């Protein structure tokens, strides 16, 4: 069963762009939730993950971390186990991401 990967991003986040690109390059299906215009949701996410920087990647309901942790997972071969083919599902914060 493929992993559920959620990428929380903001508008002007270079590392978010890199994370999106790496996930797509490895064929990992993911949902992207842009919190750029929703600081109240950013604070709520920080309460859940313990992180305040972006991107934040959550896999199967568990916080992975940011871009550095994503790259480390890629180097360990972990992203290959998440792969289901290229799919990019962007969602608005109002749709929710259901951690």
C-alpha atoms as a PDB file:
ATOM      1  CA  UNK A   1       0.000   0.000   0.000  1.00  0.00           C
ATOM      2  CA  UNK A   2       1.457   3.403  -0.946  1.00  0.00           C
ATOM      3  CA  UNK A   3       2.317   5.874   1.749  1.00  0.00           C
ATOM      4  CA  UNK A   4       0.245   9.032   2.176  1.00  0.00           C
ATOM      5  CA  UNK A   5       2.617  11.962   1.839  1.00  0.00           C
ATOM      6  CA  UNK A   6       1.556  15.524   2.626  1.00  0.00           C
ATOM      7  CA  UNK A   7       3.792  18.480   1.823  1.00  0.00           C
ATOM      8  CA  UNK A   8       2.935  21.608   3.791  1.00  0.00           C
ATOM      9  CA  UNK A   9       4.360  24.657   2.037  1.00  0.00           C
ATOM     10  CA  UNK A  10       4.270  28.447   1.877  1.00  0.00           C
ATOM     11  CA  UNK A  11       4.337  30.776  -1.120  1.00  0.00           C
ATOM     12  CA  UNK A  12       7.913  32.054  -1.080  1.00  0.00           C
ATOM     13  CA  UNK A  13       9.680  28.912   0.110  1.00  0.00           C
ATOM     14  CA  UNK A  14      12.614  27.764  -2.013  1.00  0.00           C
ATOM     15  CA  UNK A  15      13.017  24.544  -0.047  1.00  0.00           C
ATOM     16  CA  UNK A  16       9.329  23.797  -0.677  1.00  0.00           C
ATOM     17  CA  UNK A  17      10.025  23.959  -4.416  1.00  0.00           C
ATOM     18  CA  UNK A  18      12.975  21.589  -3.981  1.00  0.00           C
ATOM     19  CA  UNK A  19      10.899  19.169  -1.885  1.00  0.00           C
ATOM     20  CA  UNK A  20       8.093  19.180  -4.459  1.00  0.00           C
ATOM     21  CA  UNK A  21      10.607  18.537  -7.232  1.00  0.00           C
ATOM     22  CA  UNK A  22      12.316  15.656  -5.392  1.00  0.00           C
ATOM     23  CA  UNK A  23       9.029  13.940  -4.585  1.00  0.00           C
ATOM     24  CA  UNK A  24       7.863  14.266  -8.200  1.00  0.00           C
ATOM     25  CA  UNK A  25      11.240  13.096  -9.546  1.00  0.00           C
ATOM     26  CA  UNK A  26      11.041   9.956  -7.393  1.00  0.00           C
ATOM     27  CA  UNK A  27       7.460   9.274  -8.467  1.00  0.00           C
ATOM     28  CA  UNK A  28       6.003   9.800  -5.000  1.00  0.00           C
ATOM     29  CA  UNK A  29       2.330  10.752  -4.958  1.00  0.00           C
ATOM     30  CA  UNK A  30       1.764  13.616  -2.543  1.00  0.00           C
ATOM     31  CA  UNK A  31      -0.743  16.188  -1.475  1.00  0.00           C
ATOM     32  CA  UNK A  32       0.444  19.768  -1.138  1.00  0.00           C
ATOM     33  CA  UNK A  33      -1.219  22.120   1.288  1.00  0.00           C
ATOM     34  CA  UNK A  34      -0.096  25.746   0.934  1.00  0.00           C
ATOM     35  CA  UNK A  35      -0.383  27.576   4.243  1.00  0.00           C
ATOM     36  CA  UNK A  36       1.114  30.836   2.965  1.00  0.00           C
ATOM     37  CA  UNK A  37      -1.991  32.902   3.570  1.00  0.00           C
ATOM     38  CA  UNK A  38      -3.082  31.107   6.741  1.00  0.00           C
ATOM     39  CA  UNK A  39      -0.793  31.935   9.676  1.00  0.00           C
ATOM     40  CA  UNK A  40      -3.357  30.555  12.115  1.00  0.00           C
ATOM     41  CA  UNK A  41      -3.064  27.154  10.432  1.00  0.00           C
ATOM     42  CA  UNK A  42       0.731  27.429  10.451  1.00  0.00           C
ATOM     43  CA  UNK A  43       0.581  27.759  14.234  1.00  0.00           C
ATOM     44  CA  UNK A  44      -1.773  24.782  14.475  1.00  0.00           C
ATOM     45  CA  UNK A  45       0.575  22.671  12.341  1.00  0.00           C
ATOM     46  CA  UNK A  46       3.508  23.700  14.555  1.00  0.00           C
ATOM     47  CA  UNK A  47       1.571  22.422  17.579  1.00  0.00           C
ATOM     48  CA  UNK A  48       1.159  19.038  15.872  1.00  0.00           C
ATOM     49  CA  UNK A  49       4.641  18.630  14.363  1.00  0.00           C
ATOM     50  CA  UNK A  50       6.784  20.698  16.705  1.00  0.00           C
ATOM     51  CA  UNK A  51       8.261  22.477  13.663  1.00  0.00           C
ATOM     52  CA  UNK A  52       7.876  26.091  12.583  1.00  0.00           C
ATOM     53  CA  UNK A  53       9.851  26.086   9.327  1.00  0.00           C
ATOM     54  CA  UNK A  54       8.725  25.012   5.865  1.00  0.00           C
ATOM     55  CA  UNK A  55       8.390  22.718   4.096  1.00  0.00           C
ATOM     56  CA  UNK A  56       6.972  20.218   6.519  1.00  0.00           C
ATOM     57  CA  UNK A  57       6.473  16.698   5.273  1.00  0.00           C
ATOM     58  CA  UNK A  58       4.104  14.273   6.968  1.00  0.00           C
ATOM     59  CA  UNK A  59       4.086  10.599   5.973  1.00  0.00           C
ATOM     60  CA  UNK A  60       1.218   8.360   7.038  1.00  0.00           C
ATOM     61  CA  UNK A  61       0.330  10.827   9.792  1.00  0.00           C
ATOM     62  CA  UNK A  62       3.871  11.024  11.199  1.00  0.00           C
ATOM     63  CA  UNK A  63       5.992  14.177  10.826  1.00  0.00           C
ATOM     64  CA  UNK A  64       9.125  13.465   8.784  1.00  0.00           C
ATOM     65  CA  UNK A  65      10.612  16.959   8.989  1.00  0.00           C
ATOM     66  CA  UNK A  66      11.693  19.394   6.318  1.00  0.00           C
ATOM     67  CA  UNK A  67      13.716  19.259   3.123  1.00  0.00           C
ATOM     68  CA  UNK A  68      16.909  18.023   4.800  1.00  0.00           C
ATOM     69  CA  UNK A  69      15.062  15.077   6.322  1.00  0.00           C
ATOM     70  CA  UNK A  70      13.429  14.373   2.958  1.00  0.00           C
ATOM     71  CA  UNK A  71      16.843  14.287   1.269  1.00  0.00           C
ATOM     72  CA  UNK A  72      18.180  11.975   3.977  1.00  0.00           C
ATOM     73  CA  UNK A  73      15.202   9.652   3.450  1.00  0.00           C
ATOM     74  CA  UNK A  74      15.932   9.692  -0.272  1.00  0.00           C
ATOM     75  CA  UNK A  75      19.576   8.765   0.320  1.00  0.00           C
ATOM     76  CA  UNK A  76      18.464   5.842   2.502  1.00  0.00           C
ATOM     77  CA  UNK A  77      16.137   4.669  -0.288  1.00  0.00           C
ATOM     78  CA  UNK A  78      13.012   5.331   1.749  1.00  0.00           C
ATOM     79  CA  UNK A  79      11.337   7.437  -0.951  1.00  0.00           C
ATOM     80  CA  UNK A  80      11.354   4.436  -3.265  1.00  0.00           C
ATOM     81  CA  UNK A  81       9.048   2.624  -0.853  1.00  0.00           C
ATOM     82  CA  UNK A  82       6.623   5.583  -1.020  1.00  0.00           C
ATOM     83  CA  UNK A  83       6.583   5.628  -4.822  1.00  0.00           C
ATOM     84  CA  UNK A  84       3.385   4.973  -6.732  1.00  0.00           C
ATOM     85  CA  UNK A  85       4.110   6.889  -9.917  1.00  0.00           C
ATOM     86  CA  UNK A  86       4.016  10.622 -10.430  1.00  0.00           C
ATOM     87  CA  UNK A  87       0.985  12.315  -8.952  1.00  0.00           C
ATOM     88  CA  UNK A  88       0.672  15.781  -7.526  1.00  0.00           C
ATOM     89  CA  UNK A  89      -2.481  16.606  -5.637  1.00  0.00           C
ATOM     90  CA  UNK A  90      -2.584  20.143  -4.363  1.00  0.00           C
ATOM     91  CA  UNK A  91      -5.226  21.059  -1.847  1.00  0.00           C
ATOM     92  CA  UNK A  92      -6.333  24.261  -0.303  1.00  0.00           C
ATOM     93  CA  UNK A  93      -5.963  24.600   3.466  1.00  0.00           C
ATOM     94  CA  UNK A  94      -9.754  24.748   3.726  1.00  0.00           C
ATOM     95  CA  UNK A  95      -9.975  21.221   2.302  1.00  0.00           C
ATOM     96  CA  UNK A  96      -7.810  20.067   5.141  1.00  0.00           C
ATOM     97  CA  UNK A  97      -5.111  17.491   5.049  1.00  0.00           C
ATOM     98  CA  UNK A  98      -6.245  15.155   7.761  1.00  0.00           C
ATOM     99  CA  UNK A  99      -2.974  14.442   9.519  1.00  0.00           C
END
